[in-house]
Amino acid sequence: MSGAAVLQLASQIALGLLLVGMLLAVIRLIRGPNLGDRILALDMIGVLAVGFIGGVAVLTGFSLYIDIAIALALVSFLATVALARYLMSRAARRSREAEQ
């Protein structure tokens, strides 16, 4: 078995495992039970999507996919920060309402 065949097989296995992880993260996103879990599941889906795009880049040899993965990672990070800030402001608002 040549090195290219081993790399292709390893890439295909990695892509399959990433898809399984993404499926589990989607289940966590749907089931919850609270907003924090859903935010973490959404972030996990973003991370797994970046890994999947990187795996496709290795498998196909098309380097433009790496740029797409970097852009997706940036957008995913910013979305997670925005959702975390929303969650914190919501908790602060609830604590102020409880004090009154």
PDB file of N, CA and C in Angstrom:
ATOM      1  N   MET A   1       0.851  -1.171   0.000  1.00  0.00           N
ATOM      2  CA  MET A   1       0.000   0.000   0.000  1.00  0.00           C
ATOM      3  C   MET A   1       0.899   1.237   0.000  1.00  0.00           C
ATOM      4  N   SER A   2       0.666   2.129  -0.932  1.00  0.00           N
ATOM      5  CA  SER A   2       1.509   3.316  -1.057  1.00  0.00           C
ATOM      6  C   SER A   2       1.086   4.377  -0.043  1.00  0.00           C
ATOM      7  N   GLY A   3       1.915   5.385   0.082  1.00  0.00           N
ATOM      8  CA  GLY A   3       1.632   6.464   1.021  1.00  0.00           C
ATOM      9  C   GLY A   3       0.384   7.243   0.658  1.00  0.00           C
ATOM     10  N   ALA A   4       0.159   7.437  -0.645  1.00  0.00           N
ATOM     11  CA  ALA A   4      -1.033   8.170  -1.084  1.00  0.00           C
ATOM     12  C   ALA A   4      -2.303   7.389  -0.755  1.00  0.00           C
ATOM     13  N   ALA A   5      -2.246   6.076  -0.885  1.00  0.00           N
ATOM     14  CA  ALA A   5      -3.418   5.252  -0.572  1.00  0.00           C
ATOM     15  C   ALA A   5      -3.710   5.274   0.922  1.00  0.00           C
ATOM     16  N   VAL A   6      -2.662   5.256   1.733  1.00  0.00           N
ATOM     17  CA  VAL A   6      -2.843   5.323   3.187  1.00  0.00           C
ATOM     18  C   VAL A   6      -3.442   6.671   3.580  1.00  0.00           C
ATOM     19  N   LEU A   7      -2.947   7.747   2.964  1.00  0.00           N
ATOM     20  CA  LEU A   7      -3.477   9.078   3.254  1.00  0.00           C
ATOM     21  C   LEU A   7      -4.945   9.186   2.846  1.00  0.00           C
ATOM     22  N   GLN A   8      -5.289   8.625   1.709  1.00  0.00           N
ATOM     23  CA  GLN A   8      -6.675   8.672   1.255  1.00  0.00           C
ATOM     24  C   GLN A   8      -7.583   7.867   2.187  1.00  0.00           C
ATOM     25  N   LEU A   9      -7.138   6.697   2.602  1.00  0.00           N
ATOM     26  CA  LEU A   9      -7.934   5.877   3.513  1.00  0.00           C
ATOM     27  C   LEU A   9      -8.101   6.565   4.866  1.00  0.00           C
ATOM     28  N   ALA A  10      -7.019   7.128   5.383  1.00  0.00           N
ATOM     29  CA  ALA A  10      -7.089   7.820   6.670  1.00  0.00           C
ATOM     30  C   ALA A  10      -8.005   9.039   6.586  1.00  0.00           C
ATOM     31  N   SER A  11      -7.953   9.742   5.469  1.00  0.00           N
ATOM     32  CA  SER A  11      -8.828  10.906   5.287  1.00  0.00           C
ATOM     33  C   SER A  11     -10.292  10.488   5.239  1.00  0.00           C
ATOM     34  N   GLN A  12     -10.581   9.403   4.564  1.00  0.00           N
ATOM     35  CA  GLN A  12     -11.964   8.935   4.484  1.00  0.00           C
ATOM     36  C   GLN A  12     -12.482   8.481   5.845  1.00  0.00           C
ATOM     37  N   ILE A  13     -11.641   7.817   6.607  1.00  0.00           N
ATOM     38  CA  ILE A  13     -12.039   7.398   7.953  1.00  0.00           C
ATOM     39  C   ILE A  13     -12.273   8.619   8.838  1.00  0.00           C
ATOM     40  N   ALA A  14     -11.379   9.597   8.750  1.00  0.00           N
ATOM     41  CA  ALA A  14     -11.527  10.815   9.548  1.00  0.00           C
ATOM     42  C   ALA A  14     -12.802  11.567   9.183  1.00  0.00           C
ATOM     43  N   LEU A  15     -13.113  11.643   7.896  1.00  0.00           N
ATOM     44  CA  LEU A  15     -14.343  12.318   7.476  1.00  0.00           C
ATOM     45  C   LEU A  15     -15.578  11.586   8.001  1.00  0.00           C
ATOM     46  N   GLY A  16     -15.536  10.272   8.003  1.00  0.00           N
ATOM     47  CA  GLY A  16     -16.647   9.500   8.551  1.00  0.00           C
ATOM     48  C   GLY A  16     -16.830   9.745  10.038  1.00  0.00           C
ATOM     49  N   LEU A  17     -15.727   9.787  10.778  1.00  0.00           N
ATOM     50  CA  LEU A  17     -15.813  10.045  12.215  1.00  0.00           C
ATOM     51  C   LEU A  17     -16.295  11.466  12.498  1.00  0.00           C
ATOM     52  N   LEU A  18     -15.863  12.413  11.674  1.00  0.00           N
ATOM     53  CA  LEU A  18     -16.340  13.783  11.841  1.00  0.00           C
ATOM     54  C   LEU A  18     -17.844  13.879  11.583  1.00  0.00           C
ATOM     55  N   LEU A  19     -18.332  13.129  10.615  1.00  0.00           N
ATOM     56  CA  LEU A  19     -19.775  13.118  10.352  1.00  0.00           C
ATOM     57  C   LEU A  19     -20.555  12.519  11.520  1.00  0.00           C
ATOM     58  N   VAL A  20     -20.017  11.470  12.124  1.00  0.00           N
ATOM     59  CA  VAL A  20     -20.673  10.879  13.300  1.00  0.00           C
ATOM     60  C   VAL A  20     -20.702  11.891  14.444  1.00  0.00           C
ATOM     61  N   GLY A  21     -19.586  12.572  14.660  1.00  0.00           N
ATOM     62  CA  GLY A  21     -19.547  13.605  15.694  1.00  0.00           C
ATOM     63  C   GLY A  21     -20.520  14.737  15.423  1.00  0.00           C
ATOM     64  N   MET A  22     -20.640  15.108  14.147  1.00  0.00           N
ATOM     65  CA  MET A  22     -21.576  16.168  13.791  1.00  0.00           C
ATOM     66  C   MET A  22     -23.021  15.726  14.031  1.00  0.00           C
ATOM     67  N   LEU A  23     -23.319  14.485  13.740  1.00  0.00           N
ATOM     68  CA  LEU A  23     -24.660  13.957  13.994  1.00  0.00           C
ATOM     69  C   LEU A  23     -24.978  13.993  15.490  1.00  0.00           C
ATOM     70  N   LEU A  24     -24.018  13.598  16.316  1.00  0.00           N
ATOM     71  CA  LEU A  24     -24.231  13.633  17.765  1.00  0.00           C
ATOM     72  C   LEU A  24     -24.401  15.065  18.270  1.00  0.00           C
ATOM     73  N   ALA A  25     -23.650  15.995  17.688  1.00  0.00           N
ATOM     74  CA  ALA A  25     -23.788  17.398  18.085  1.00  0.00           C
ATOM     75  C   ALA A  25     -25.146  17.958  17.667  1.00  0.00           C
ATOM     76  N   VAL A  26     -25.653  17.550  16.519  1.00  0.00           N
ATOM     77  CA  VAL A  26     -26.987  17.992  16.089  1.00  0.00           C
ATOM     78  C   VAL A  26     -28.055  17.444  17.038  1.00  0.00           C
ATOM     79  N   ILE A  27     -27.881  16.214  17.484  1.00  0.00           N
ATOM     80  CA  ILE A  27     -28.824  15.648  18.457  1.00  0.00           C
ATOM     81  C   ILE A  27     -28.793  16.459  19.748  1.00  0.00           C
ATOM     82  N   ARG A  28     -27.602  16.838  20.203  1.00  0.00           N
ATOM     83  CA  ARG A  28     -27.484  17.656  21.417  1.00  0.00           C
ATOM     84  C   ARG A  28     -28.102  19.032  21.188  1.00  0.00           C
ATOM     85  N   LEU A  29     -27.946  19.568  19.994  1.00  0.00           N
ATOM     86  CA  LEU A  29     -28.531  20.871  19.674  1.00  0.00           C
ATOM     87  C   LEU A  29     -30.052  20.813  19.739  1.00  0.00           C
ATOM     88  N   ILE A  30     -30.626  19.740  19.266  1.00  0.00           N
ATOM     89  CA  ILE A  30     -32.084  19.608  19.254  1.00  0.00           C
ATOM     90  C   ILE A  30     -32.627  19.320  20.655  1.00  0.00           C
ATOM     91  N   ARG A  31     -31.965  18.434  21.387  1.00  0.00           N
ATOM     92  CA  ARG A  31     -32.496  17.986  22.680  1.00  0.00           C
ATOM     93  C   ARG A  31     -32.238  18.967  23.809  1.00  0.00           C
ATOM     94  N   GLY A  32     -31.207  19.767  23.719  1.00  0.00           N
ATOM     95  CA  GLY A  32     -30.957  20.776  24.760  1.00  0.00           C
ATOM     96  C   GLY A  32     -30.206  20.223  25.952  1.00  0.00           C
ATOM     97  N   PRO A  33     -30.634  20.310  27.137  1.00  0.00           N
ATOM     98  CA  PRO A  33     -31.903  20.768  27.695  1.00  0.00           C
ATOM     99  C   PRO A  33     -31.966  22.275  27.947  1.00  0.00           C
ATOM    100  N   ASN A  34     -30.838  22.977  27.931  1.00  0.00           N
ATOM    101  CA  ASN A  34     -30.931  24.424  28.146  1.00  0.00           C
ATOM    102  C   ASN A  34     -30.151  25.159  27.048  1.00  0.00           C
ATOM    103  N   LEU A  35     -30.201  26.472  27.111  1.00  0.00           N
ATOM    104  CA  LEU A  35     -29.601  27.287  26.056  1.00  0.00           C
ATOM    105  C   LEU A  35     -28.080  27.147  26.022  1.00  0.00           C
ATOM    106  N   GLY A  36     -27.454  26.982  27.175  1.00  0.00           N
ATOM    107  CA  GLY A  36     -26.002  26.808  27.215  1.00  0.00           C
ATOM    108  C   GLY A  36     -25.547  25.564  26.471  1.00  0.00           C
ATOM    109  N   ASP A  37     -26.279  24.473  26.650  1.00  0.00           N
ATOM    110  CA  ASP A  37     -25.959  23.243  25.921  1.00  0.00           C
ATOM    111  C   ASP A  37     -26.125  23.426  24.421  1.00  0.00           C
ATOM    112  N   ARG A  38     -27.129  24.169  24.040  1.00  0.00           N
ATOM    113  CA  ARG A  38     -27.356  24.390  22.609  1.00  0.00           C
ATOM    114  C   ARG A  38     -26.261  25.262  22.002  1.00  0.00           C
ATOM    115  N   ILE A  39     -25.788  26.251  22.755  1.00  0.00           N
ATOM    116  CA  ILE A  39     -24.692  27.092  22.263  1.00  0.00           C
ATOM    117  C   ILE A  39     -23.429  26.260  22.097  1.00  0.00           C
ATOM    118  N   LEU A  40     -23.138  25.407  23.072  1.00  0.00           N
ATOM    119  CA  LEU A  40     -21.958  24.543  22.959  1.00  0.00           C
ATOM    120  C   LEU A  40     -22.083  23.564  21.798  1.00  0.00           C
ATOM    121  N   ALA A  41     -23.275  23.036  21.581  1.00  0.00           N
ATOM    122  CA  ALA A  41     -23.482  22.119  20.457  1.00  0.00           C
ATOM    123  C   ALA A  41     -23.296  22.838  19.130  1.00  0.00           C
ATOM    124  N   LEU A  42     -23.769  24.065  19.043  1.00  0.00           N
ATOM    125  CA  LEU A  42     -23.597  24.839  17.814  1.00  0.00           C
ATOM    126  C   LEU A  42     -22.126  25.137  17.562  1.00  0.00           C
ATOM    127  N   ASP A  43     -21.389  25.441  18.623  1.00  0.00           N
ATOM    128  CA  ASP A  43     -19.952  25.663  18.481  1.00  0.00           C
ATOM    129  C   ASP A  43     -19.246  24.376  18.055  1.00  0.00           C
ATOM    130  N   MET A  44     -19.661  23.262  18.617  1.00  0.00           N
ATOM    131  CA  MET A  44     -19.070  21.976  18.244  1.00  0.00           C
ATOM    132  C   MET A  44     -19.339  21.651  16.780  1.00  0.00           C
ATOM    133  N   ILE A  45     -20.530  21.956  16.305  1.00  0.00           N
ATOM    134  CA  ILE A  45     -20.842  21.734  14.894  1.00  0.00           C
ATOM    135  C   ILE A  45     -19.926  22.585  14.017  1.00  0.00           C
ATOM    136  N   GLY A  46     -19.680  23.826  14.428  1.00  0.00           N
ATOM    137  CA  GLY A  46     -18.768  24.686  13.674  1.00  0.00           C
ATOM    138  C   GLY A  46     -17.356  24.140  13.639  1.00  0.00           C
ATOM    139  N   VAL A  47     -16.877  23.664  14.777  1.00  0.00           N
ATOM    140  CA  VAL A  47     -15.526  23.094  14.840  1.00  0.00           C
ATOM    141  C   VAL A  47     -15.430  21.836  13.979  1.00  0.00           C
ATOM    142  N   LEU A  48     -16.435  20.985  14.064  1.00  0.00           N
ATOM    143  CA  LEU A  48     -16.431  19.765  13.256  1.00  0.00           C
ATOM    144  C   LEU A  48     -16.536  20.080  11.768  1.00  0.00           C
ATOM    145  N   ALA A  49     -17.284  21.118  11.416  1.00  0.00           N
ATOM    146  CA  ALA A  49     -17.380  21.514  10.007  1.00  0.00           C
ATOM    147  C   ALA A  49     -16.034  22.013   9.493  1.00  0.00           C
ATOM    148  N   VAL A  50     -15.313  22.756  10.322  1.00  0.00           N
ATOM    149  CA  VAL A  50     -13.970  23.206   9.934  1.00  0.00           C
ATOM    150  C   VAL A  50     -13.055  22.004   9.734  1.00  0.00           C
ATOM    151  N   GLY A  51     -13.116  21.043  10.643  1.00  0.00           N
ATOM    152  CA  GLY A  51     -12.320  19.825  10.483  1.00  0.00           C
ATOM    153  C   GLY A  51     -12.703  19.039   9.249  1.00  0.00           C
ATOM    154  N   PHE A  52     -14.002  18.982   8.966  1.00  0.00           N
ATOM    155  CA  PHE A  52     -14.475  18.261   7.782  1.00  0.00           C
ATOM    156  C   PHE A  52     -13.973  18.932   6.506  1.00  0.00           C
ATOM    157  N   ILE A  53     -14.050  20.248   6.459  1.00  0.00           N
ATOM    158  CA  ILE A  53     -13.558  20.966   5.279  1.00  0.00           C
ATOM    159  C   ILE A  53     -12.054  20.776   5.133  1.00  0.00           C
ATOM    160  N   GLY A  54     -11.327  20.769   6.250  1.00  0.00           N
ATOM    161  CA  GLY A  54      -9.890  20.488   6.192  1.00  0.00           C
ATOM    162  C   GLY A  54      -9.606  19.090   5.681  1.00  0.00           C
ATOM    163  N   GLY A  55     -10.407  18.127   6.113  1.00  0.00           N
ATOM    164  CA  GLY A  55     -10.245  16.760   5.616  1.00  0.00           C
ATOM    165  C   GLY A  55     -10.531  16.643   4.133  1.00  0.00           C
ATOM    166  N   VAL A  56     -11.539  17.359   3.670  1.00  0.00           N
ATOM    167  CA  VAL A  56     -11.836  17.365   2.236  1.00  0.00           C
ATOM    168  C   VAL A  56     -10.685  18.008   1.470  1.00  0.00           C
ATOM    169  N   ALA A  57     -10.082  19.047   2.048  1.00  0.00           N
ATOM    170  CA  ALA A  57      -8.936  19.689   1.398  1.00  0.00           C
ATOM    171  C   ALA A  57      -7.774  18.717   1.265  1.00  0.00           C
ATOM    172  N   VAL A  58      -7.534  17.920   2.291  1.00  0.00           N
ATOM    173  CA  VAL A  58      -6.460  16.921   2.226  1.00  0.00           C
ATOM    174  C   VAL A  58      -6.802  15.843   1.208  1.00  0.00           C
ATOM    175  N   LEU A  59      -8.040  15.414   1.207  1.00  0.00           N
ATOM    176  CA  LEU A  59      -8.465  14.337   0.315  1.00  0.00           C
ATOM    177  C   LEU A  59      -8.417  14.752  -1.155  1.00  0.00           C
ATOM    178  N   THR A  60      -8.853  15.968  -1.444  1.00  0.00           N
ATOM    179  CA  THR A  60      -8.900  16.413  -2.837  1.00  0.00           C
ATOM    180  C   THR A  60      -7.631  17.118  -3.286  1.00  0.00           C
ATOM    181  N   GLY A  61      -6.864  17.648  -2.353  1.00  0.00           N
ATOM    182  CA  GLY A  61      -5.669  18.400  -2.708  1.00  0.00           C
ATOM    183  C   GLY A  61      -5.965  19.819  -3.168  1.00  0.00           C
ATOM    184  N   PHE A  62      -7.198  20.271  -2.988  1.00  0.00           N
ATOM    185  CA  PHE A  62      -7.614  21.611  -3.407  1.00  0.00           C
ATOM    186  C   PHE A  62      -7.432  22.553  -2.225  1.00  0.00           C
ATOM    187  N   SER A  63      -6.432  23.428  -2.280  1.00  0.00           N
ATOM    188  CA  SER A  63      -6.051  24.225  -1.116  1.00  0.00           C
ATOM    189  C   SER A  63      -7.005  25.381  -0.822  1.00  0.00           C
ATOM    190  N   LEU A  64      -7.890  25.713  -1.734  1.00  0.00           N
ATOM    191  CA  LEU A  64      -8.848  26.785  -1.464  1.00  0.00           C
ATOM    192  C   LEU A  64      -9.782  26.413  -0.312  1.00  0.00           C
ATOM    193  N   TYR A  65      -9.986  25.128  -0.099  1.00  0.00           N
ATOM    194  CA  TYR A  65     -10.837  24.692   1.009  1.00  0.00           C
ATOM    195  C   TYR A  65     -10.279  25.133   2.362  1.00  0.00           C
ATOM    196  N   ILE A  66      -8.972  25.267   2.460  1.00  0.00           N
ATOM    197  CA  ILE A  66      -8.369  25.721   3.718  1.00  0.00           C
ATOM    198  C   ILE A  66      -8.808  27.149   4.021  1.00  0.00           C
ATOM    199  N   ASP A  67      -8.848  28.008   3.002  1.00  0.00           N
ATOM    200  CA  ASP A  67      -9.323  29.379   3.201  1.00  0.00           C
ATOM    201  C   ASP A  67     -10.781  29.397   3.648  1.00  0.00           C
ATOM    202  N   ILE A  68     -11.570  28.531   3.075  1.00  0.00           N
ATOM    203  CA  ILE A  68     -12.979  28.434   3.462  1.00  0.00           C
ATOM    204  C   ILE A  68     -13.092  27.982   4.916  1.00  0.00           C
ATOM    205  N   ALA A  69     -12.262  27.026   5.310  1.00  0.00           N
ATOM    206  CA  ALA A  69     -12.282  26.536   6.693  1.00  0.00           C
ATOM    207  C   ALA A  69     -11.883  27.637   7.670  1.00  0.00           C
ATOM    208  N   ILE A  70     -10.897  28.444   7.305  1.00  0.00           N
ATOM    209  CA  ILE A  70     -10.473  29.546   8.174  1.00  0.00           C
ATOM    210  C   ILE A  70     -11.594  30.570   8.320  1.00  0.00           C
ATOM    211  N   ALA A  71     -12.255  30.899   7.218  1.00  0.00           N
ATOM    212  CA  ALA A  71     -13.368  31.854   7.284  1.00  0.00           C
ATOM    213  C   ALA A  71     -14.508  31.303   8.135  1.00  0.00           C
ATOM    214  N   LEU A  72     -14.819  30.032   7.979  1.00  0.00           N
ATOM    215  CA  LEU A  72     -15.877  29.418   8.783  1.00  0.00           C
ATOM    216  C   LEU A  72     -15.500  29.400  10.261  1.00  0.00           C
ATOM    217  N   ALA A  73     -14.243  29.145  10.570  1.00  0.00           N
ATOM    218  CA  ALA A  73     -13.798  29.147  11.963  1.00  0.00           C
ATOM    219  C   ALA A  73     -13.958  30.533  12.579  1.00  0.00           C
ATOM    220  N   LEU A  74     -13.642  31.561  11.817  1.00  0.00           N
ATOM    221  CA  LEU A  74     -13.789  32.924  12.326  1.00  0.00           C
ATOM    222  C   LEU A  74     -15.254  33.265  12.573  1.00  0.00           C
ATOM    223  N   VAL A  75     -16.113  32.948  11.632  1.00  0.00           N
ATOM    224  CA  VAL A  75     -17.542  33.229  11.793  1.00  0.00           C
ATOM    225  C   VAL A  75     -18.120  32.420  12.953  1.00  0.00           C
ATOM    226  N   SER A  76     -17.716  31.172  13.077  1.00  0.00           N
ATOM    227  CA  SER A  76     -18.199  30.325  14.162  1.00  0.00           C
ATOM    228  C   SER A  76     -17.764  30.874  15.518  1.00  0.00           C
ATOM    229  N   PHE A  77     -16.528  31.332  15.607  1.00  0.00           N
ATOM    230  CA  PHE A  77     -16.032  31.906  16.854  1.00  0.00           C
ATOM    231  C   PHE A  77     -16.813  33.159  17.223  1.00  0.00           C
ATOM    232  N   LEU A  78     -17.012  34.039  16.260  1.00  0.00           N
ATOM    233  CA  LEU A  78     -17.737  35.277  16.540  1.00  0.00           C
ATOM    234  C   LEU A  78     -19.190  34.997  16.927  1.00  0.00           C
ATOM    235  N   ALA A  79     -19.805  34.020  16.299  1.00  0.00           N
ATOM    236  CA  ALA A  79     -21.181  33.665  16.655  1.00  0.00           C
ATOM    237  C   ALA A  79     -21.249  33.104  18.072  1.00  0.00           C
ATOM    238  N   THR A  80     -20.272  32.301  18.449  1.00  0.00           N
ATOM    239  CA  THR A  80     -20.252  31.745  19.801  1.00  0.00           C
ATOM    240  C   THR A  80     -20.066  32.842  20.839  1.00  0.00           C
ATOM    241  N   VAL A  81     -19.191  33.789  20.566  1.00  0.00           N
ATOM    242  CA  VAL A  81     -18.989  34.905  21.491  1.00  0.00           C
ATOM    243  C   VAL A  81     -20.266  35.731  21.616  1.00  0.00           C
ATOM    244  N   ALA A  82     -20.924  35.999  20.502  1.00  0.00           N
ATOM    245  CA  ALA A  82     -22.163  36.780  20.543  1.00  0.00           C
ATOM    246  C   ALA A  82     -23.250  36.049  21.329  1.00  0.00           C
ATOM    247  N   LEU A  83     -23.392  34.755  21.112  1.00  0.00           N
ATOM    248  CA  LEU A  83     -24.401  33.993  21.845  1.00  0.00           C
ATOM    249  C   LEU A  83     -24.069  33.909  23.333  1.00  0.00           C
ATOM    250  N   ALA A  84     -22.791  33.800  23.674  1.00  0.00           N
ATOM    251  CA  ALA A  84     -22.396  33.765  25.083  1.00  0.00           C
ATOM    252  C   ALA A  84     -22.682  35.107  25.757  1.00  0.00           C
ATOM    253  N   ARG A  85     -22.432  36.197  25.051  1.00  0.00           N
ATOM    254  CA  ARG A  85     -22.748  37.517  25.611  1.00  0.00           C
ATOM    255  C   ARG A  85     -24.256  37.666  25.824  1.00  0.00           C
ATOM    256  N   TYR A  86     -25.031  37.167  24.882  1.00  0.00           N
ATOM    257  CA  TYR A  86     -26.488  37.210  25.030  1.00  0.00           C
ATOM    258  C   TYR A  86     -26.919  36.405  26.250  1.00  0.00           C
ATOM    259  N   LEU A  87     -26.337  35.237  26.426  1.00  0.00           N
ATOM    260  CA  LEU A  87     -26.687  34.384  27.558  1.00  0.00           C
ATOM    261  C   LEU A  87     -26.327  35.063  28.876  1.00  0.00           C
ATOM    262  N   MET A  88     -25.177  35.729  28.920  1.00  0.00           N
ATOM    263  CA  MET A  88     -24.772  36.429  30.139  1.00  0.00           C
ATOM    264  C   MET A  88     -25.692  37.613  30.429  1.00  0.00           C
ATOM    265  N   SER A  89     -26.053  38.368  29.401  1.00  0.00           N
ATOM    266  CA  SER A  89     -26.934  39.518  29.630  1.00  0.00           C
ATOM    267  C   SER A  89     -28.325  39.062  30.063  1.00  0.00           C
ATOM    268  N   ARG A  90     -28.772  37.950  29.529  1.00  0.00           N
ATOM    269  CA  ARG A  90     -30.069  37.408  29.923  1.00  0.00           C
ATOM    270  C   ARG A  90     -30.054  36.978  31.388  1.00  0.00           C
ATOM    271  N   ALA A  91     -28.959  36.346  31.811  1.00  0.00           N
ATOM    272  CA  ALA A  91     -28.849  35.925  33.210  1.00  0.00           C
ATOM    273  C   ALA A  91     -28.774  37.136  34.135  1.00  0.00           C
ATOM    274  N   ALA A  92     -28.061  38.179  33.719  1.00  0.00           N
ATOM    275  CA  ALA A  92     -27.971  39.385  34.544  1.00  0.00           C
ATOM    276  C   ALA A  92     -29.329  40.064  34.659  1.00  0.00           C
ATOM    277  N   ARG A  93     -30.077  40.094  33.574  1.00  0.00           N
ATOM    278  CA  ARG A  93     -31.410  40.697  33.586  1.00  0.00           C
ATOM    279  C   ARG A  93     -32.335  39.922  34.521  1.00  0.00           C
ATOM    280  N   ARG A  94     -32.244  38.605  34.488  1.00  0.00           N
ATOM    281  CA  ARG A  94     -33.095  37.791  35.371  1.00  0.00           C
ATOM    282  C   ARG A  94     -32.741  38.003  36.840  1.00  0.00           C
ATOM    283  N   SER A  95     -31.450  38.158  37.138  1.00  0.00           N
ATOM    284  CA  SER A  95     -31.062  38.364  38.536  1.00  0.00           C
ATOM    285  C   SER A  95     -31.517  39.740  39.021  1.00  0.00           C
ATOM    286  N   ARG A  96     -31.484  40.750  38.137  1.00  0.00           N
ATOM    287  CA  ARG A  96     -31.993  42.072  38.525  1.00  0.00           C
ATOM    288  C   ARG A  96     -33.500  42.026  38.768  1.00  0.00           C
ATOM    289  N   GLU A  97     -34.217  41.283  37.943  1.00  0.00           N
ATOM    290  CA  GLU A  97     -35.665  41.161  38.124  1.00  0.00           C
ATOM    291  C   GLU A  97     -35.996  40.404  39.407  1.00  0.00           C
ATOM    292  N   ALA A  98     -35.167  39.440  39.775  1.00  0.00           N
ATOM    293  CA  ALA A  98     -35.410  38.674  40.999  1.00  0.00           C
ATOM    294  C   ALA A  98     -35.163  39.529  42.241  1.00  0.00           C
ATOM    295  N   GLU A  99     -34.238  40.484  42.154  1.00  0.00           N
ATOM    296  CA  GLU A  99     -33.947  41.356  43.293  1.00  0.00           C
ATOM    297  C   GLU A  99     -35.080  42.336  43.552  1.00  0.00           C
ATOM    298  N   GLN A 100     -35.800  42.703  42.526  1.00  0.00           N
ATOM    299  CA  GLN A 100     -36.862  43.714  42.688  1.00  0.00           C
ATOM    300  C   GLN A 100     -38.101  43.142  43.228  1.00  0.00           C
TER     301      GLN A 100
END
